[in-house]
């Protein structure tokens, strides 16, 4: 394929490359006599490194579920408290080409342009070469190449087939006709991005380095494992039903008739996805985090609170986790009761015997048990450790934020976190997310401004194990590695394994049953981390799991609270929601850019 025909225009040297980067204000705020030219930026070490840092700044803040990304509150995982956030508009059906909030198309293309510009100019930096040698320049090029490929992946997971920009930067005075570019078929996009990730991986270190030496100050910079992990997720998505033989979108074509989604299922795509996941595993430098105490809950918490542990492959150093903390905390702790798991999400957690609630004799929705002096609904008892790490339920114990000692959390309508106590800040489901909520953060109502700083994981080894198990089950059912890696996840979670260990469970009987259990494991292990929205779309199950979701009856006190009722906001899923709409502005200025199906 000739990628030369795919070009993106950089409108001006400063505004198009640097505008929008939060850390480049000093460039834009200088008085005229002190303003440096773009040519000077790439002659000097400091400005060039700052330029690359600005390219990094577009890495999405996936844990900022209120103001940055809508994945958690738009799926069937959780319901967000406030009608003013963009999740509400999406859930009630207000998303459209003229209302694409949040919009991802233009920001990611700005990042792609900046990465390309950096790659094309950094070799002119003799100051870096003289101080650190060509090796550092080559590493910086590999980092920019990785970031560019990652931003393409981010576009593709939302929009499907995209415009590939290629290696050229069009001159500011180029004719507008050169901007009339079509989308490339999805598989072509996948192949291009995979090739770029492979090239980046070849030039990136295994661990963060500076001048050839491991440097802990460089955590968050691109590594080989990061590039291979992105490739693993990309190829898993590409092998799935949304993109692999999706005949429901046979009319999704460019103006010239080019089909954009493969119409014939190719099982080899699953092999490619399995091989990509195994490539990450075989690096041999990552491992599931396990607390030295052996306590599974501490192990599961340590994944997030032990910074830069060996399970974290790709994490964002600067992040909005303080906002996540306060949005998930109860009002008792100075939080805002903002992100509530749905009853469907609660129902998905395994029991302590390793079985799903619908299949376990331990599960009961009748009666109550006294636990440490608290009357606890039996639905919440005898659950697996991940449930207790992930979910704050009625009369569970919490300590954090402004709470100096542990206390039960009540979501009764007249309780301290209930609907009657605040006009807007109450859980709409009778639950709150507890996963990765830093208890020492205290920046909510009346807080002292303290934050529990830590990296925000975007890719971790547990996902790669699940990617591998899923892809292998689709390509080679019965392969021993499927059970091996699924059981490694369950072992760390502290629940019985399939066919091995204490209280072993029967091995899933066939490919379909194994698929069911892999998906169930993925739903829980990766809960509230932004995966579910993409999983239900790529599996094409969104219409079955979305719509009317449920929680406890937050309008009641006492035993009447413990009753499944529909949430206040429906989570609509239209057929058009399989892909995000391209904004009408982009369509108006590029007549060869077609809209996604259904919009």
Protein backbone atom coordinates (compact mmCIF):
# COMPACT_ATOMS: atom_id res chain seq x y z
CA UNK A 1 0.00 0.00 0.00
CA UNK A 2 1.15 3.54 -0.76
CA UNK A 3 0.80 5.54 2.47
CA UNK A 4 2.08 8.64 0.68
CA UNK A 5 -1.48 9.36 -0.41
CA UNK A 6 -2.58 9.69 3.21
CA UNK A 7 -1.60 13.12 4.41
CA UNK A 8 -2.62 15.41 7.25
CA UNK A 9 -2.12 19.12 6.99
CA UNK A 10 -0.31 21.08 9.66
CA UNK A 11 -1.84 24.52 9.37
CA UNK A 12 0.87 26.51 11.13
CA UNK A 13 4.16 25.79 12.75
CA UNK A 14 3.19 26.79 16.26
CA UNK A 15 -0.58 26.79 16.59
CA UNK A 16 -1.29 23.47 14.91
CA UNK A 17 1.60 21.64 16.49
CA UNK A 18 1.64 23.13 19.95
CA UNK A 19 -1.85 24.50 20.58
CA UNK A 20 -3.85 22.45 23.00
CA UNK A 21 -0.85 21.10 24.87
CA UNK A 22 -1.20 22.10 28.50
CA UNK A 23 2.53 22.24 29.18
CA UNK A 24 3.54 24.38 26.21
CA UNK A 25 2.06 27.65 27.40
CA UNK A 26 5.49 29.15 27.90
CA UNK A 27 6.06 28.87 24.14
CA UNK A 28 2.82 30.67 23.37
CA UNK A 29 3.06 33.32 26.09
CA UNK A 30 6.51 34.67 25.27
CA UNK A 31 6.87 38.27 24.16
CA UNK A 32 7.74 38.59 20.45
CA UNK A 33 11.44 39.32 20.98
CA UNK A 34 11.83 36.15 23.04
CA UNK A 35 9.77 33.79 20.89
CA UNK A 36 11.70 30.83 19.53
CA UNK A 37 11.06 29.44 16.08
CA UNK A 38 10.14 25.85 15.41
CA UNK A 39 13.53 25.42 13.77
CA UNK A 40 15.17 26.47 17.04
CA UNK A 41 12.98 24.04 19.00
CA UNK A 42 14.60 21.17 17.15
CA UNK A 43 18.12 22.52 17.54
CA UNK A 44 17.95 22.59 21.33
CA UNK A 45 17.76 19.64 23.69
CA UNK A 46 15.36 21.11 26.26
CA UNK A 47 12.69 22.44 23.88
CA UNK A 48 12.79 19.22 21.82
CA UNK A 49 12.25 17.12 24.93
CA UNK A 50 9.43 19.40 26.00
CA UNK A 51 7.85 19.00 22.58
CA UNK A 52 7.93 15.21 23.01
CA UNK A 53 6.49 15.55 26.50
CA UNK A 54 3.63 17.49 24.95
CA UNK A 55 2.99 14.61 22.55
CA UNK A 56 2.70 12.36 25.61
CA UNK A 57 0.12 14.73 27.12
CA UNK A 58 -2.58 13.37 24.79
CA UNK A 59 -2.49 9.93 26.42
CA UNK A 60 -6.09 9.67 27.69
CA UNK A 61 -6.80 9.93 31.40
CA UNK A 62 -8.93 6.77 31.46
CA UNK A 63 -9.73 7.00 35.18
CA UNK A 64 -11.27 10.46 34.88
CA UNK A 65 -14.70 8.96 34.27
CA UNK A 66 -16.66 12.15 34.83
CA UNK A 67 -14.93 14.79 32.71
CA UNK A 68 -12.51 13.00 30.35
CA UNK A 69 -13.87 9.67 29.08
CA UNK A 70 -17.38 8.17 29.27
CA UNK A 71 -16.60 4.45 29.20
CA UNK A 72 -17.62 3.43 32.74
CA UNK A 73 -20.88 5.36 33.03
CA UNK A 74 -21.96 4.65 29.45
CA UNK A 75 -21.69 0.85 29.72
CA UNK A 76 -23.83 -1.48 31.83
CA UNK A 77 -21.22 -1.34 34.63
CA UNK A 78 -22.20 1.82 36.46
CA UNK A 79 -24.59 4.73 36.68
CA UNK A 80 -23.29 8.24 37.23
CA UNK A 81 -25.04 10.53 39.64
CA UNK A 82 -25.22 13.80 37.71
CA UNK A 83 -27.42 14.59 34.72
CA UNK A 84 -25.08 17.42 33.74
CA UNK A 85 -22.19 15.13 32.66
CA UNK A 86 -21.79 13.87 29.11
CA UNK A 87 -22.64 10.29 30.12
CA UNK A 88 -26.23 11.34 30.74
CA UNK A 89 -26.64 12.75 27.24
CA UNK A 90 -25.20 9.60 25.70
CA UNK A 91 -27.35 7.30 27.84
CA UNK A 92 -30.60 9.06 26.95
CA UNK A 93 -29.79 9.19 23.24
CA UNK A 94 -28.61 12.78 22.70
CA UNK A 95 -25.33 11.81 21.01
CA UNK A 96 -25.31 12.95 17.37
CA UNK A 97 -22.98 14.30 14.64
CA UNK A 98 -23.76 17.82 15.88
CA UNK A 99 -23.31 16.80 19.54
CA UNK A 100 -20.27 14.55 19.71
CA UNK A 101 -19.27 15.49 23.26
CA UNK A 102 -16.74 14.31 24.16
CA UNK A 103 -15.11 14.56 20.75
CA UNK A 104 -12.03 12.41 20.12
CA UNK A 105 -11.38 12.85 16.39
CA UNK A 106 -9.67 16.25 16.28
CA UNK A 107 -7.58 15.94 19.48
CA UNK A 108 -6.08 12.60 18.50
CA UNK A 109 -5.27 13.83 15.02
CA UNK A 110 -3.53 16.83 16.57
CA UNK A 111 -1.46 14.38 18.60
CA UNK A 112 -0.72 12.28 15.51
CA UNK A 113 0.41 15.36 13.58
CA UNK A 114 2.64 16.46 16.43
CA UNK A 115 4.23 13.00 16.72
CA UNK A 116 4.92 12.93 12.98
CA UNK A 117 6.38 16.42 13.04
CA UNK A 118 8.67 15.43 15.90
CA UNK A 119 9.85 12.27 14.09
CA UNK A 120 10.59 14.26 10.96
CA UNK A 121 12.67 16.94 12.72
CA UNK A 122 14.39 15.50 15.78
CA UNK A 123 17.34 14.18 13.76
CA UNK A 124 18.42 17.79 13.24
CA UNK A 125 19.16 18.12 16.97
CA UNK A 126 22.95 18.07 17.13
CA UNK A 127 22.89 19.18 20.76
CA UNK A 128 21.25 15.90 21.84
CA UNK A 129 23.54 13.95 19.52
CA UNK A 130 26.66 15.59 20.91
CA UNK A 131 25.57 15.15 24.53
CA UNK A 132 23.97 11.70 24.43
CA UNK A 133 24.64 10.22 21.02
CA UNK A 134 22.38 9.03 18.23
CA UNK A 135 20.97 6.32 20.50
CA UNK A 136 18.87 8.81 22.46
CA UNK A 137 17.55 10.42 19.29
CA UNK A 138 16.60 6.98 17.97
CA UNK A 139 14.84 6.21 21.26
CA UNK A 140 12.90 9.47 21.06
CA UNK A 141 11.83 8.63 17.51
CA UNK A 142 10.65 5.20 18.71
CA UNK A 143 8.71 6.87 21.54
CA UNK A 144 6.98 9.25 19.13
CA UNK A 145 6.25 6.37 16.75
CA UNK A 146 4.69 4.41 19.60
CA UNK A 147 2.57 7.37 20.68
CA UNK A 148 1.38 7.98 17.13
CA UNK A 149 0.37 4.32 16.77
CA UNK A 150 -1.36 4.39 20.17
CA UNK A 151 -3.38 7.46 19.18
CA UNK A 152 -4.46 5.68 16.00
CA UNK A 153 -5.60 2.78 18.16
CA UNK A 154 -7.56 5.18 20.37
CA UNK A 155 -9.29 6.57 17.28
CA UNK A 156 -10.00 3.10 15.90
CA UNK A 157 -11.57 1.74 19.07
CA UNK A 158 -14.15 4.56 18.87
CA UNK A 159 -14.54 5.25 15.16
CA UNK A 160 -13.51 1.99 13.49
CA UNK A 161 -11.75 2.68 10.16
CA UNK A 162 -9.86 5.97 10.13
CA UNK A 163 -7.80 8.18 7.84
CA UNK A 164 -4.14 7.15 7.86
CA UNK A 165 -2.00 10.26 7.83
CA UNK A 166 1.27 8.76 6.65
CA UNK A 167 4.71 10.28 7.01
CA UNK A 168 4.35 13.62 5.23
CA UNK A 169 3.39 16.99 6.65
CA UNK A 170 1.59 19.10 4.10
CA UNK A 171 2.80 22.67 3.68
CA UNK A 172 0.58 25.43 5.15
CA UNK A 173 -0.15 26.79 1.66
CA UNK A 174 -1.15 23.43 0.14
CA UNK A 175 -4.50 23.44 -1.69
CA UNK A 176 -7.60 22.32 0.22
CA UNK A 177 -8.06 19.50 -2.27
CA UNK A 178 -5.20 17.65 -0.62
CA UNK A 179 -7.29 17.37 2.53
CA UNK A 180 -10.10 15.42 0.85
CA UNK A 181 -8.96 12.07 2.21
CA UNK A 182 -10.99 8.87 2.57
CA UNK A 183 -10.95 6.41 5.45
CA UNK A 184 -8.89 3.25 4.99
CA UNK A 185 -10.52 -0.17 5.45
CA UNK A 186 -10.32 -1.26 9.06
CA UNK A 187 -8.02 -4.21 8.39
CA UNK A 188 -5.67 -1.91 6.48
CA UNK A 189 -5.60 0.42 9.48
CA UNK A 190 -4.86 -2.54 11.77
CA UNK A 191 -1.97 -3.72 9.62
CA UNK A 192 -0.47 -0.25 9.46
CA UNK A 193 -0.71 0.37 13.21
CA UNK A 194 0.64 -3.11 14.02
CA UNK A 195 3.63 -2.48 11.75
CA UNK A 196 4.26 0.86 13.47
CA UNK A 197 4.02 -0.73 16.92
CA UNK A 198 6.50 -3.42 15.86
CA UNK A 199 8.91 -0.78 14.59
CA UNK A 200 8.54 1.17 17.80
CA UNK A 201 9.03 -1.95 19.94
CA UNK A 202 12.30 -2.68 18.13
CA UNK A 203 13.69 0.71 19.18
CA UNK A 204 12.29 0.95 22.70
CA UNK A 205 13.95 -0.28 25.92
CA UNK A 206 12.46 -3.03 28.07
CA UNK A 207 12.45 -0.71 31.07
CA UNK A 208 12.45 3.11 31.25
CA UNK A 209 15.95 4.33 30.47
CA UNK A 210 18.00 7.44 30.07
CA UNK A 211 21.33 7.28 28.26
CA UNK A 212 21.23 3.50 28.16
CA UNK A 213 20.73 3.10 31.91
CA UNK A 214 17.53 2.20 33.76
CA UNK A 215 16.16 5.35 35.33
CA UNK A 216 13.19 5.21 37.69
CA UNK A 217 12.50 8.89 37.02
CA UNK A 218 11.50 7.88 33.50
CA UNK A 219 8.53 5.68 34.51
CA UNK A 220 5.63 6.40 32.19
CA UNK A 221 7.80 6.72 29.08
CA UNK A 222 7.30 4.25 26.25
CA UNK A 223 8.80 0.77 26.53
CA UNK A 224 8.79 -2.31 24.37
CA UNK A 225 6.15 -3.92 26.58
CA UNK A 226 3.84 -0.94 26.13
CA UNK A 227 4.02 -1.19 22.36
CA UNK A 228 3.36 -4.94 22.40
CA UNK A 229 0.48 -4.55 24.89
CA UNK A 230 -1.28 -2.03 22.65
CA UNK A 231 -0.79 -4.44 19.76
CA UNK A 232 -2.36 -7.23 21.82
CA UNK A 233 -5.52 -5.24 22.53
CA UNK A 234 -5.78 -3.93 18.97
CA UNK A 235 -5.56 -7.40 17.44
CA UNK A 236 -8.04 -8.80 19.96
CA UNK A 237 -10.55 -6.16 18.92
CA UNK A 238 -9.81 -6.77 15.22
CA UNK A 239 -10.53 -10.50 15.59
CA UNK A 240 -13.87 -9.90 17.31
CA UNK A 241 -17.34 -9.99 15.76
CA UNK A 242 -17.61 -6.22 15.34
CA UNK A 243 -14.77 -6.26 12.80
CA UNK A 244 -14.39 -9.86 11.67
CA UNK A 245 -17.09 -10.80 9.17
CA UNK A 246 -19.64 -8.20 10.31
CA UNK A 247 -22.20 -8.51 7.51
CA UNK A 248 -24.60 -6.16 9.27
CA UNK A 249 -22.52 -3.22 8.02
CA UNK A 250 -21.98 -4.35 4.43
CA UNK A 251 -23.06 -0.90 3.27
CA UNK A 252 -20.31 0.84 5.25
CA UNK A 253 -18.26 1.98 2.25
CA UNK A 254 -16.25 4.91 0.97
CA UNK A 255 -17.69 7.04 -1.86
CA UNK A 256 -15.68 4.93 -4.33
CA UNK A 257 -17.32 1.73 -3.05
CA UNK A 258 -14.44 0.51 -0.89
CA UNK A 259 -15.80 -1.80 1.83
CA UNK A 260 -14.53 -0.64 5.24
CA UNK A 261 -15.33 -3.65 7.47
CA UNK A 262 -14.36 -7.19 6.47
CA UNK A 263 -17.41 -9.18 5.38
CA UNK A 264 -15.83 -12.62 5.64
CA UNK A 265 -14.81 -14.09 9.00
CA UNK A 266 -11.12 -14.98 9.18
CA UNK A 267 -10.21 -17.29 12.07
CA UNK A 268 -6.52 -16.54 11.56
CA UNK A 269 -7.15 -13.14 13.13
CA UNK A 270 -7.63 -14.94 16.45
CA UNK A 271 -4.26 -16.63 16.04
CA UNK A 272 -2.67 -13.29 15.38
CA UNK A 273 -4.27 -11.90 18.56
CA UNK A 274 -3.14 -14.91 20.61
CA UNK A 275 0.42 -14.59 19.31
CA UNK A 276 0.49 -10.87 20.16
CA UNK A 277 -0.59 -11.50 23.76
CA UNK A 278 1.92 -14.31 24.15
CA UNK A 279 4.64 -11.98 22.88
CA UNK A 280 4.02 -9.71 25.87
CA UNK A 281 3.97 -12.65 28.28
CA UNK A 282 7.20 -14.06 26.84
CA UNK A 283 9.08 -10.85 27.60
CA UNK A 284 9.33 -12.36 31.06
CA UNK A 285 9.46 -9.02 32.89
CA UNK A 286 5.85 -8.76 34.08
CA UNK A 287 4.03 -10.71 36.79
CA UNK A 288 0.68 -10.56 38.58
CA UNK A 289 1.04 -8.49 41.72
CA UNK A 290 0.80 -10.54 44.94
CA UNK A 291 1.04 -9.07 48.40
CA UNK A 292 3.71 -10.72 50.60
CA UNK A 293 1.01 -11.47 53.21
CA UNK A 294 -0.81 -13.78 50.82
CA UNK A 295 -4.08 -11.91 51.48
CA UNK A 296 -5.91 -11.83 48.12
CA UNK A 297 -7.66 -8.53 48.90
CA UNK A 298 -4.31 -6.86 49.65
CA UNK A 299 -2.92 -8.35 46.45
CA UNK A 300 -5.84 -7.00 44.44
CA UNK A 301 -5.48 -3.56 46.03
CA UNK A 302 -1.73 -3.53 45.56
CA UNK A 303 -2.16 -3.76 41.80
CA UNK A 304 -3.23 -0.11 41.95
CA UNK A 305 -1.62 1.27 45.08
CA UNK A 306 1.91 -0.14 44.73
CA UNK A 307 3.32 2.27 42.19
CA UNK A 308 5.03 0.89 39.11
CA UNK A 309 4.70 -2.72 40.24
CA UNK A 310 5.51 -5.56 37.87
CA UNK A 311 1.91 -5.98 36.72
CA UNK A 312 1.61 -2.44 35.38
CA UNK A 313 2.69 -2.30 31.74
CA UNK A 314 1.45 1.13 30.68
CA UNK A 315 0.42 3.73 33.26
CA UNK A 316 -0.19 7.46 33.21
CA UNK A 317 1.98 9.32 35.72
CA UNK A 318 -0.03 12.55 35.68
CA UNK A 319 -3.69 11.67 36.09
CA UNK A 320 -7.11 12.45 37.52
CA UNK A 321 -7.22 9.72 40.14
CA UNK A 322 -7.93 12.27 42.87
CA UNK A 323 -11.17 13.06 41.04
CA UNK A 324 -11.92 9.32 40.76
CA UNK A 325 -11.35 9.00 44.50
CA UNK A 326 -13.70 11.81 45.51
CA UNK A 327 -16.38 10.86 42.97
CA UNK A 328 -16.46 7.30 44.30
CA UNK A 329 -16.32 8.19 48.00
CA UNK A 330 -19.49 8.44 50.12
CA UNK A 331 -20.62 11.79 51.48
CA UNK A 332 -19.72 10.48 54.94
CA UNK A 333 -16.09 10.65 53.84
CA UNK A 334 -16.38 14.04 52.15
CA UNK A 335 -17.00 12.46 48.75
CA UNK A 336 -19.71 13.01 46.18
CA UNK A 337 -21.39 9.57 45.80
CA UNK A 338 -20.87 9.86 42.05
CA UNK A 339 -20.19 6.45 40.49
CA UNK A 340 -22.54 3.63 41.42
CA UNK A 341 -22.21 0.04 40.13
CA UNK A 342 -25.41 -1.29 38.60
CA UNK A 343 -27.15 -4.31 40.09
CA UNK A 344 -26.17 -6.17 36.91
CA UNK A 345 -22.54 -5.46 37.70
CA UNK A 346 -22.97 -6.60 41.33
CA UNK A 347 -24.64 -9.80 40.13
CA UNK A 348 -21.65 -10.61 37.92
CA UNK A 349 -19.19 -11.22 40.76
CA UNK A 350 -18.44 -14.84 41.62
CA UNK A 351 -19.22 -16.42 44.94
CA UNK A 352 -16.44 -17.58 47.27
CA UNK A 353 -16.81 -21.10 45.84
CA UNK A 354 -15.74 -19.72 42.45
CA UNK A 355 -19.16 -20.14 40.86
CA UNK A 356 -21.46 -17.54 39.40
CA UNK A 357 -24.32 -16.55 41.73
CA UNK A 358 -26.87 -18.21 39.45
CA UNK A 359 -24.97 -21.51 39.78
CA UNK A 360 -23.92 -21.43 43.45
CA UNK A 361 -25.73 -22.83 46.47
CA UNK A 362 -24.08 -20.08 48.55
CA UNK A 363 -26.09 -17.28 46.96
CA UNK A 364 -29.21 -15.92 48.62
CA UNK A 365 -31.36 -12.83 48.17
CA UNK A 366 -33.34 -13.58 51.30
CA UNK A 367 -32.64 -12.45 54.84
CA UNK A 368 -29.85 -10.74 56.72
CA UNK A 369 -26.79 -11.72 58.76
CA UNK A 370 -25.13 -9.83 61.60
CA UNK A 371 -21.56 -9.03 60.54
CA UNK A 372 -19.39 -7.13 63.03
CA UNK A 373 -22.50 -5.57 64.51
CA UNK A 374 -24.01 -4.62 61.17
CA UNK A 375 -27.12 -6.12 59.58
CA UNK A 376 -25.92 -7.16 56.12
CA UNK A 377 -28.15 -8.36 53.29
CA UNK A 378 -27.30 -11.97 52.43
CA UNK A 379 -26.83 -11.03 48.76
CA UNK A 380 -23.51 -9.47 49.74
CA UNK A 381 -22.14 -12.38 51.76
CA UNK A 382 -19.89 -15.26 50.71
CA UNK A 383 -18.71 -13.34 47.64
CA UNK A 384 -15.25 -13.51 46.09
CA UNK A 385 -12.50 -11.10 47.25
CA UNK A 386 -12.81 -8.87 44.17
CA UNK A 387 -16.36 -7.99 45.18
CA UNK A 388 -15.19 -6.65 48.54
CA UNK A 389 -12.35 -4.73 46.90
CA UNK A 390 -14.58 -3.25 44.19
CA UNK A 391 -17.99 -2.42 45.66
CA UNK A 392 -19.24 -0.33 48.58
CA UNK A 393 -22.68 -1.74 49.44
CA UNK A 394 -25.20 -0.89 52.12
CA UNK A 395 -23.80 -1.36 55.64
CA UNK A 396 -20.33 -2.24 54.37
CA UNK A 397 -17.47 -0.68 56.34
CA UNK A 398 -15.47 2.20 54.91
CA UNK A 399 -12.69 4.40 56.21
CA UNK A 400 -11.09 7.16 54.21
CA UNK A 401 -11.33 10.76 53.16
CA UNK A 402 -12.56 12.82 56.10
CA UNK A 403 -13.50 9.73 58.16
CA UNK A 404 -11.02 9.21 60.98
CA UNK A 405 -12.36 5.80 61.92
CA UNK A 406 -14.16 2.97 60.09
CA UNK A 407 -17.94 3.13 59.95
CA UNK A 408 -20.81 1.49 58.05
CA UNK A 409 -21.97 3.23 54.88
CA UNK A 410 -25.73 3.57 54.45
CA UNK A 411 -27.53 4.43 51.22
CA UNK A 412 -31.02 4.43 52.75
CA UNK A 413 -33.05 7.39 51.51
CA UNK A 414 -32.79 9.16 54.88
CA UNK A 415 -29.30 7.87 55.67
CA UNK A 416 -26.04 9.87 55.70
CA UNK A 417 -25.41 9.16 52.01
CA UNK A 418 -29.02 8.91 50.91
CA UNK A 419 -31.12 10.80 48.45
CA UNK A 420 -32.77 13.04 51.02
CA UNK A 421 -29.46 14.42 52.25
CA UNK A 422 -28.35 16.16 49.06
CA UNK A 423 -30.05 17.44 45.93
CA UNK A 424 -27.54 15.84 43.54
CA UNK A 425 -24.79 13.91 45.36
CA UNK A 426 -26.32 10.49 45.97
CA UNK A 427 -25.79 7.08 44.40
CA UNK A 428 -28.54 6.25 41.93
CA UNK A 429 -28.00 2.52 42.41
CA UNK A 430 -27.43 2.14 46.15
CA UNK A 431 -23.77 1.22 45.60
CA UNK A 432 -20.46 2.98 45.04
CA UNK A 433 -17.33 1.84 43.22
CA UNK A 434 -14.55 1.06 45.70
CA UNK A 435 -11.94 -0.24 43.24
CA UNK A 436 -8.78 1.88 43.11
CA UNK A 437 -10.27 4.49 45.44
CA UNK A 438 -7.43 5.98 47.48
CA UNK A 439 -8.61 6.23 51.07
CA UNK A 440 -6.14 8.99 52.00
CA UNK A 441 -7.43 11.36 49.31
CA UNK A 442 -9.41 14.14 50.98
CA UNK A 443 -10.25 16.80 48.41
CA UNK A 444 -14.05 16.62 48.55
CA UNK A 445 -16.47 18.69 50.60
CA UNK A 446 -14.50 20.27 53.42
CA UNK A 447 -11.40 18.22 52.61
CA UNK A 448 -7.88 19.33 53.39
CA UNK A 449 -6.59 18.98 49.84
CA UNK A 450 -4.64 15.79 50.45
CA UNK A 451 -4.31 13.46 47.45
CA UNK A 452 -3.18 9.85 47.29
CA UNK A 453 -0.91 10.15 44.29
CA UNK A 454 -0.18 7.03 42.23
CA UNK A 455 0.10 6.09 38.56
CA UNK A 456 -3.12 5.30 36.68
CA UNK A 457 -2.80 1.86 35.01
CA UNK A 458 -3.97 1.71 31.40
CA UNK A 459 -2.60 -1.73 30.47
CA UNK A 460 -1.68 -4.46 32.95
CA UNK A 461 -0.67 -8.09 32.74
CA UNK A 462 -4.02 -9.48 33.92
CA UNK A 463 -5.59 -8.06 30.76
CA UNK A 464 -2.93 -9.67 28.59
CA UNK A 465 -3.61 -13.07 30.21
CA UNK A 466 -7.30 -12.66 29.46
CA UNK A 467 -6.59 -11.48 25.90
CA UNK A 468 -4.49 -14.59 25.37
CA UNK A 469 -7.07 -16.98 26.85
CA UNK A 470 -9.91 -15.48 24.80
CA UNK A 471 -8.03 -15.47 21.50
CA UNK A 472 -6.67 -18.98 22.01
CA UNK A 473 -10.12 -20.32 22.87
CA UNK A 474 -11.47 -18.94 19.60
CA UNK A 475 -8.58 -20.24 17.52
CA UNK A 476 -7.58 -23.49 19.23
CA UNK A 477 -10.19 -24.60 21.79
CA UNK A 478 -8.80 -27.05 24.30
CA UNK A 479 -5.25 -25.65 24.22
CA UNK A 480 -3.82 -26.13 27.73
CA UNK A 481 -2.70 -22.49 27.91
CA UNK A 482 -6.33 -21.32 28.01
CA UNK A 483 -6.90 -22.96 31.37
CA UNK A 484 -3.42 -22.09 32.61
CA UNK A 485 -3.79 -18.34 32.22
CA UNK A 486 -7.43 -18.21 33.26
CA UNK A 487 -6.50 -20.07 36.44
CA UNK A 488 -3.62 -17.69 37.15
CA UNK A 489 -6.16 -14.86 37.30
CA UNK A 490 -8.47 -16.86 39.59
CA UNK A 491 -5.62 -17.97 41.84
CA UNK A 492 -4.56 -14.37 42.47
CA UNK A 493 -8.22 -13.45 43.07
CA UNK A 494 -8.43 -16.08 45.82
CA UNK A 495 -11.14 -18.29 44.27
CA UNK A 496 -11.10 -21.98 43.24
CA UNK A 497 -9.56 -22.80 39.89
CA UNK A 498 -10.90 -24.96 37.11
CA UNK A 499 -9.60 -28.54 37.34
CA UNK A 500 -6.70 -27.77 39.70
CA UNK A 501 -5.94 -26.89 43.31
CA UNK A 502 -8.10 -26.90 46.42
CA UNK A 503 -11.87 -27.13 45.83
CA UNK A 504 -11.25 -27.34 42.08
CA UNK A 505 -14.20 -26.71 39.79
CA UNK A 506 -15.03 -28.76 36.69
CA UNK A 507 -13.25 -27.58 33.56
CA UNK A 508 -15.68 -25.73 31.25
CA UNK A 509 -17.14 -28.41 28.99
CA UNK A 510 -16.59 -26.97 25.53
CA UNK A 511 -15.56 -23.87 23.58
CA UNK A 512 -18.88 -22.09 24.20
CA UNK A 513 -18.79 -22.73 27.96
CA UNK A 514 -15.15 -21.65 28.12
CA UNK A 515 -16.03 -18.48 26.21
CA UNK A 516 -18.75 -17.75 28.78
CA UNK A 517 -16.33 -18.15 31.68
CA UNK A 518 -13.54 -16.11 30.05
CA UNK A 519 -15.98 -13.28 29.45
CA UNK A 520 -17.28 -13.54 33.02
CA UNK A 521 -13.71 -13.39 34.35
CA UNK A 522 -12.86 -10.44 32.15
CA UNK A 523 -15.93 -8.54 33.30
CA UNK A 524 -14.87 -8.81 36.94
CA UNK A 525 -11.08 -8.64 36.76
CA UNK A 526 -11.18 -5.52 34.57
CA UNK A 527 -14.32 -3.95 36.06
CA UNK A 528 -14.51 -0.13 36.05
CA UNK A 529 -11.22 0.17 34.14
CA UNK A 530 -12.84 1.24 30.86
CA UNK A 531 -12.92 -2.15 29.11
CA UNK A 532 -16.57 -3.12 29.35
CA UNK A 533 -17.87 -0.47 26.91
CA UNK A 534 -15.57 -1.79 24.18
CA UNK A 535 -16.06 -5.46 25.06
CA UNK A 536 -19.85 -5.42 24.75
CA UNK A 537 -19.54 -3.71 21.37
CA UNK A 538 -16.84 -5.94 19.91
CA UNK A 539 -18.73 -9.05 21.08
CA UNK A 540 -21.91 -7.48 19.64
CA UNK A 541 -23.87 -8.16 22.84
CA UNK A 542 -24.56 -4.51 23.72
CA UNK A 543 -28.25 -4.61 22.67
CA UNK A 544 -28.82 -7.54 25.03
CA UNK A 545 -27.11 -6.09 28.11
CA UNK A 546 -27.95 -2.39 27.78
CA UNK A 547 -31.27 -0.59 28.16
CA UNK A 548 -33.05 -0.79 31.51
CA UNK A 549 -30.51 -1.37 34.27
CA UNK A 550 -31.14 -1.80 37.97
CA UNK A 551 -30.06 -0.92 41.48
CA UNK A 552 -31.48 -1.03 44.97
CA UNK A 553 -34.53 1.10 45.82
CA UNK A 554 -32.84 4.31 46.91
CA UNK A 555 -36.20 5.91 47.67
CA UNK A 556 -36.73 3.62 50.67
CA UNK A 557 -35.39 2.97 54.15
CA UNK A 558 -35.01 -0.33 55.98
CA UNK A 559 -35.81 -3.66 54.37
CA UNK A 560 -37.74 -1.96 51.54
CA UNK A 561 -34.40 -0.64 50.24
CA UNK A 562 -33.26 -4.14 49.26
CA UNK A 563 -35.40 -4.49 46.16
CA UNK A 564 -34.28 -4.41 42.54
CA UNK A 565 -35.68 -1.40 40.73
CA UNK A 566 -34.76 0.28 37.42
CA UNK A 567 -32.18 3.02 37.67
CA UNK A 568 -33.35 6.60 37.25
CA UNK A 569 -31.58 6.88 33.89
CA UNK A 570 -31.87 4.26 31.10
CA UNK A 571 -28.71 3.23 29.29
CA UNK A 572 -29.92 3.28 25.72
CA UNK A 573 -27.96 1.47 23.06
CA UNK A 574 -28.87 2.21 19.47
CA UNK A 575 -27.36 0.34 16.55
CA UNK A 576 -25.46 3.53 15.68
CA UNK A 577 -23.66 3.34 19.05
CA UNK A 578 -21.31 0.65 17.80
CA UNK A 579 -19.15 3.58 16.66
CA UNK A 580 -18.87 7.16 17.79
CA UNK A 581 -20.27 9.71 15.33
CA UNK A 582 -17.81 11.78 13.35
CA UNK A 583 -18.66 15.44 13.92
CA UNK A 584 -20.54 17.26 11.20
CA UNK A 585 -17.75 19.83 11.11
CA UNK A 586 -15.25 17.20 9.97
CA UNK A 587 -17.69 15.85 7.37
CA UNK A 588 -18.36 19.32 5.98
CA UNK A 589 -14.69 20.06 5.36
CA UNK A 590 -13.77 16.63 3.97
CA UNK A 591 -16.26 15.39 1.39
CA UNK A 592 -14.49 12.02 1.10
CA UNK A 593 -14.96 11.33 4.81
CA UNK A 594 -18.11 9.28 5.32
CA UNK A 595 -20.14 9.03 8.52
CA UNK A 596 -20.33 5.89 10.66
CA UNK A 597 -23.37 3.63 10.16
CA UNK A 598 -26.64 4.78 11.64
CA UNK A 599 -25.79 8.45 12.18
